[in-house]
C-alpha atoms as a PDB file:
ATOM      1  CA  MET A   1       0.000   0.000   0.000  1.00  0.00           C
ATOM      2  CA  ALA A   2       1.191   3.484  -0.823  1.00  0.00           C
ATOM      3  CA  ILE A   3       0.038   6.718   0.766  1.00  0.00           C
ATOM      4  CA  ALA A   4       0.455   9.906  -1.274  1.00  0.00           C
ATOM      5  CA  GLY A   5      -0.093  13.509  -0.293  1.00  0.00           C
ATOM      6  CA  ILE A   6      -1.137  15.511  -3.338  1.00  0.00           C
ATOM      7  CA  VAL A   7      -1.937  19.129  -4.165  1.00  0.00           C
ATOM      8  CA  LEU A   8      -4.336  19.849  -7.015  1.00  0.00           C
ATOM      9  CA  SER A   9      -4.592  23.211  -8.768  1.00  0.00           C
ATOM     10  CA  VAL A  10      -8.199  23.722  -9.809  1.00  0.00           C
ATOM     11  CA  THR A  11      -9.933  25.936 -12.374  1.00  0.00           C
ATOM     12  CA  GLU A  12     -11.173  29.120 -10.703  1.00  0.00           C
ATOM     13  CA  GLY A  13     -14.730  28.790  -9.420  1.00  0.00           C
ATOM     14  CA  ARG A  14     -14.732  24.978  -9.593  1.00  0.00           C
ATOM     15  CA  LEU A  15     -13.268  24.147  -6.186  1.00  0.00           C
ATOM     16  CA  SER A  16     -16.476  22.803  -4.654  1.00  0.00           C
ATOM     17  CA  GLU A  17     -17.355  20.367  -7.450  1.00  0.00           C
ATOM     18  CA  THR A  18     -13.728  19.217  -7.726  1.00  0.00           C
ATOM     19  CA  ARG A  19     -13.625  18.604  -3.979  1.00  0.00           C
ATOM     20  CA  GLU A  20     -16.742  16.421  -4.264  1.00  0.00           C
ATOM     21  CA  ALA A  21     -15.251  14.496  -7.211  1.00  0.00           C
ATOM     22  CA  LEU A  22     -12.127  13.856  -5.139  1.00  0.00           C
ATOM     23  CA  ARG A  23     -14.143  12.625  -2.175  1.00  0.00           C
ATOM     24  CA  ALA A  24     -15.927  10.152  -4.477  1.00  0.00           C
ATOM     25  CA  PHE A  25     -12.629   8.798  -5.879  1.00  0.00           C
ATOM     26  CA  PRO A  26     -11.683   5.376  -4.423  1.00  0.00           C
ATOM     27  CA  GLY A  27      -8.758   5.678  -2.017  1.00  0.00           C
ATOM     28  CA  ILE A  28      -9.066   9.391  -1.223  1.00  0.00           C
ATOM     29  CA  VAL A  29      -9.147   9.552   2.574  1.00  0.00           C
ATOM     30  CA  ASP A  30      -8.932  13.313   3.165  1.00  0.00           C
ATOM     31  CA  VAL A  31      -9.503  16.513   1.172  1.00  0.00           C
ATOM     32  CA  GLN A  32      -8.741  20.018   2.441  1.00  0.00           C
ATOM     33  CA  GLU A  33      -9.001  23.430   0.801  1.00  0.00           C
ATOM     34  CA  LEU A  34      -5.826  25.500   0.831  1.00  0.00           C
ATOM     35  CA  GLU A  35      -5.887  29.193   1.673  1.00  0.00           C
ATOM     36  CA  ASP A  36      -5.556  30.548  -1.868  1.00  0.00           C
ATOM     37  CA  ASP A  37      -9.004  29.282  -3.011  1.00  0.00           C
ATOM     38  CA  SER A  38      -7.625  27.542  -6.100  1.00  0.00           C
ATOM     39  CA  ARG A  39      -5.934  24.454  -4.663  1.00  0.00           C
ATOM     40  CA  LEU A  40      -6.945  21.334  -2.782  1.00  0.00           C
ATOM     41  CA  ALA A  41      -4.742  19.053  -0.700  1.00  0.00           C
ATOM     42  CA  ALA A  42      -5.674  15.373  -0.536  1.00  0.00           C
ATOM     43  CA  VAL A  43      -4.389  12.054   0.771  1.00  0.00           C
ATOM     44  CA  LEU A  44      -4.607   9.010  -1.480  1.00  0.00           C
ATOM     45  CA  GLU A  45      -4.207   5.431  -0.259  1.00  0.00           C
ATOM     46  CA  SER A  46      -3.617   3.060  -3.142  1.00  0.00           C
ATOM     47  CA  PRO A  47      -1.983  -0.307  -3.773  1.00  0.00           C
ATOM     48  CA  SER A  48       1.609   0.439  -4.831  1.00  0.00           C
ATOM     49  CA  ARG A  49       1.184  -1.268  -8.185  1.00  0.00           C
ATOM     50  CA  ARG A  50      -1.796   1.010  -8.970  1.00  0.00           C
ATOM     51  CA  LEU A  51      -0.535   4.308  -7.562  1.00  0.00           C
ATOM     52  CA  GLN A  52       0.673   5.770 -10.870  1.00  0.00           C
ATOM     53  CA  ALA A  53      -2.610   4.965 -12.638  1.00  0.00           C
ATOM     54  CA  ASP A  54      -4.628   6.483  -9.776  1.00  0.00           C
ATOM     55  CA  LEU A  55      -2.546   9.684  -9.858  1.00  0.00           C
ATOM     56  CA  GLU A  56      -3.046   9.927 -13.625  1.00  0.00           C
ATOM     57  CA  SER A  57      -6.806   9.450 -13.189  1.00  0.00           C
ATOM     58  CA  LEU A  58      -6.940  12.184 -10.553  1.00  0.00           C
ATOM     59  CA  ASN A  59      -4.930  14.487 -12.795  1.00  0.00           C
ATOM     60  CA  GLY A  60      -7.507  13.865 -15.526  1.00  0.00           C
ATOM     61  CA  LEU A  61     -10.509  14.905 -13.432  1.00  0.00           C
ATOM     62  CA  ASP A  62     -12.541  17.804 -14.824  1.00  0.00           C
ATOM     63  CA  HIS A  63     -11.201  21.182 -13.701  1.00  0.00           C
ATOM     64  CA  VAL A  64      -7.855  19.818 -12.396  1.00  0.00           C
ATOM     65  CA  ARG A  65      -5.186  21.957 -14.031  1.00  0.00           C
ATOM     66  CA  GLN A  66      -2.199  20.427 -12.260  1.00  0.00           C
ATOM     67  CA  LEU A  67      -1.456  17.686  -9.739  1.00  0.00           C
ATOM     68  CA  ASP A  68       1.674  17.851  -7.591  1.00  0.00           C
ATOM     69  CA  VAL A  69       2.817  14.990  -5.372  1.00  0.00           C
ATOM     70  CA  ALA A  70       3.975  16.310  -1.998  1.00  0.00           C
ATOM     71  CA  TYR A  71       5.023  12.915  -0.611  1.00  0.00           C
ATOM     72  CA  VAL A  72       4.684   9.179  -1.138  1.00  0.00           C
ATOM     73  CA  ASN A  73       5.097   6.595   1.606  1.00  0.00           C
ATOM     74  CA  TYR A  74       5.612   2.940   0.668  1.00  0.00           C
ATOM     75  CA  GLU A  75       6.235   1.783   4.229  1.00  0.00           C
ATOM     76  CA  GLU A  76       4.305  -1.496   4.004  1.00  0.00           C
ATOM     77  CA  ASP A  77       6.311  -2.462   0.914  1.00  0.00           C
ATOM     78  CA  LEU A  78       9.610  -2.435   2.820  1.00  0.00           C
ATOM     79  CA  ASP A  79      11.250  -5.703   3.697  1.00  0.00           C
ATOM     80  CA  GLY A  80      12.367  -6.519   7.229  1.00  0.00           C
ATOM     81  CA  GLN A  81      15.606  -4.561   6.759  1.00  0.00           C
ATOM     82  CA  GLY A  82      13.998  -1.357   5.506  1.00  0.00           C
ATOM     83  CA  HIS A  83      14.591  -1.894   1.775  1.00  0.00           C
ATOM     84  CA  MET A  84      12.233  -1.861  -1.148  1.00  0.00           C
ATOM     85  CA  ALA A  85      12.901  -3.469  -4.507  1.00  0.00           C
ATOM     86  CA  CYS A  86      13.535  -0.956  -7.275  1.00  0.00           C
ATOM     87  CA  PRO A  87      11.644  -1.304 -10.508  1.00  0.00           C
ATOM     88  CA  PRO A  88      13.724  -2.889 -13.274  1.00  0.00           C
ATOM     89  CA  HIS A  89      15.773  -0.385 -15.246  1.00  0.00           C
ATOM     90  CA  ARG A  90      14.867  -0.322 -18.931  1.00  0.00           C
ATOM     91  CA  ALA A  91      18.432   0.052 -20.175  1.00  0.00           C
ATOM     92  CA  ARG A  92      19.899  -3.097 -18.667  1.00  0.00           C
ATOM     93  CA  GLY A  93      23.559  -3.669 -19.238  1.00  0.00           C
ATOM     94  CA  HIS A  94      24.245  -0.021 -20.024  1.00  0.00           C
ATOM     95  CA  ARG A  95      25.936   0.998 -16.812  1.00  0.00           C
ATOM     96  CA  ARG A  96      28.380   3.826 -16.965  1.00  0.00           C
ATOM     97  CA  ARG A  97      31.477   3.646 -14.882  1.00  0.00           C
ATOM     98  CA  VAL A  98      32.522   6.956 -13.415  1.00  0.00           C
ATOM     99  CA  SER A  99      36.120   7.379 -12.415  1.00  0.00           C
ATOM    100  CA  VAL A 100      37.082   9.586  -9.514  1.00  0.00           C
ATOM    101  CA  PRO A 101      40.341  11.547  -9.903  1.00  0.00           C
ATOM    102  CA  GLU A 102      43.073  10.499  -7.494  1.00  0.00           C
ATOM    103  CA  GLY A 103      42.989  12.249  -4.164  1.00  0.00           C
ATOM    104  CA  GLU A 104      39.228  12.947  -4.262  1.00  0.00           C
ATOM    105  CA  PRO A 105      36.817  11.000  -2.085  1.00  0.00           C
ATOM    106  CA  SER A 106      34.715   8.437  -3.901  1.00  0.00           C
END
């Protein structure tokens, strides 16, 4: 499970209906208006494998001009030692070796 804090910039005059659309979206657990009357802050709980698709769906809601992710927490996905597997890199086998000049810390 992933938990994401997001900030949505909304078309002027459409804050109320956008707030209601957010509240109806599966996984949205909190919605708050920000002081400038054109942005909403929300918390989304989503399975990690579906997080990206959910964020894209939220960004596509009517009257959402921009979606910014403030934080993402994948705590439940960590193994017993505090690690999480990285997604596979698309350019496998294309590692670049960087050399550090002598006398400089590596």
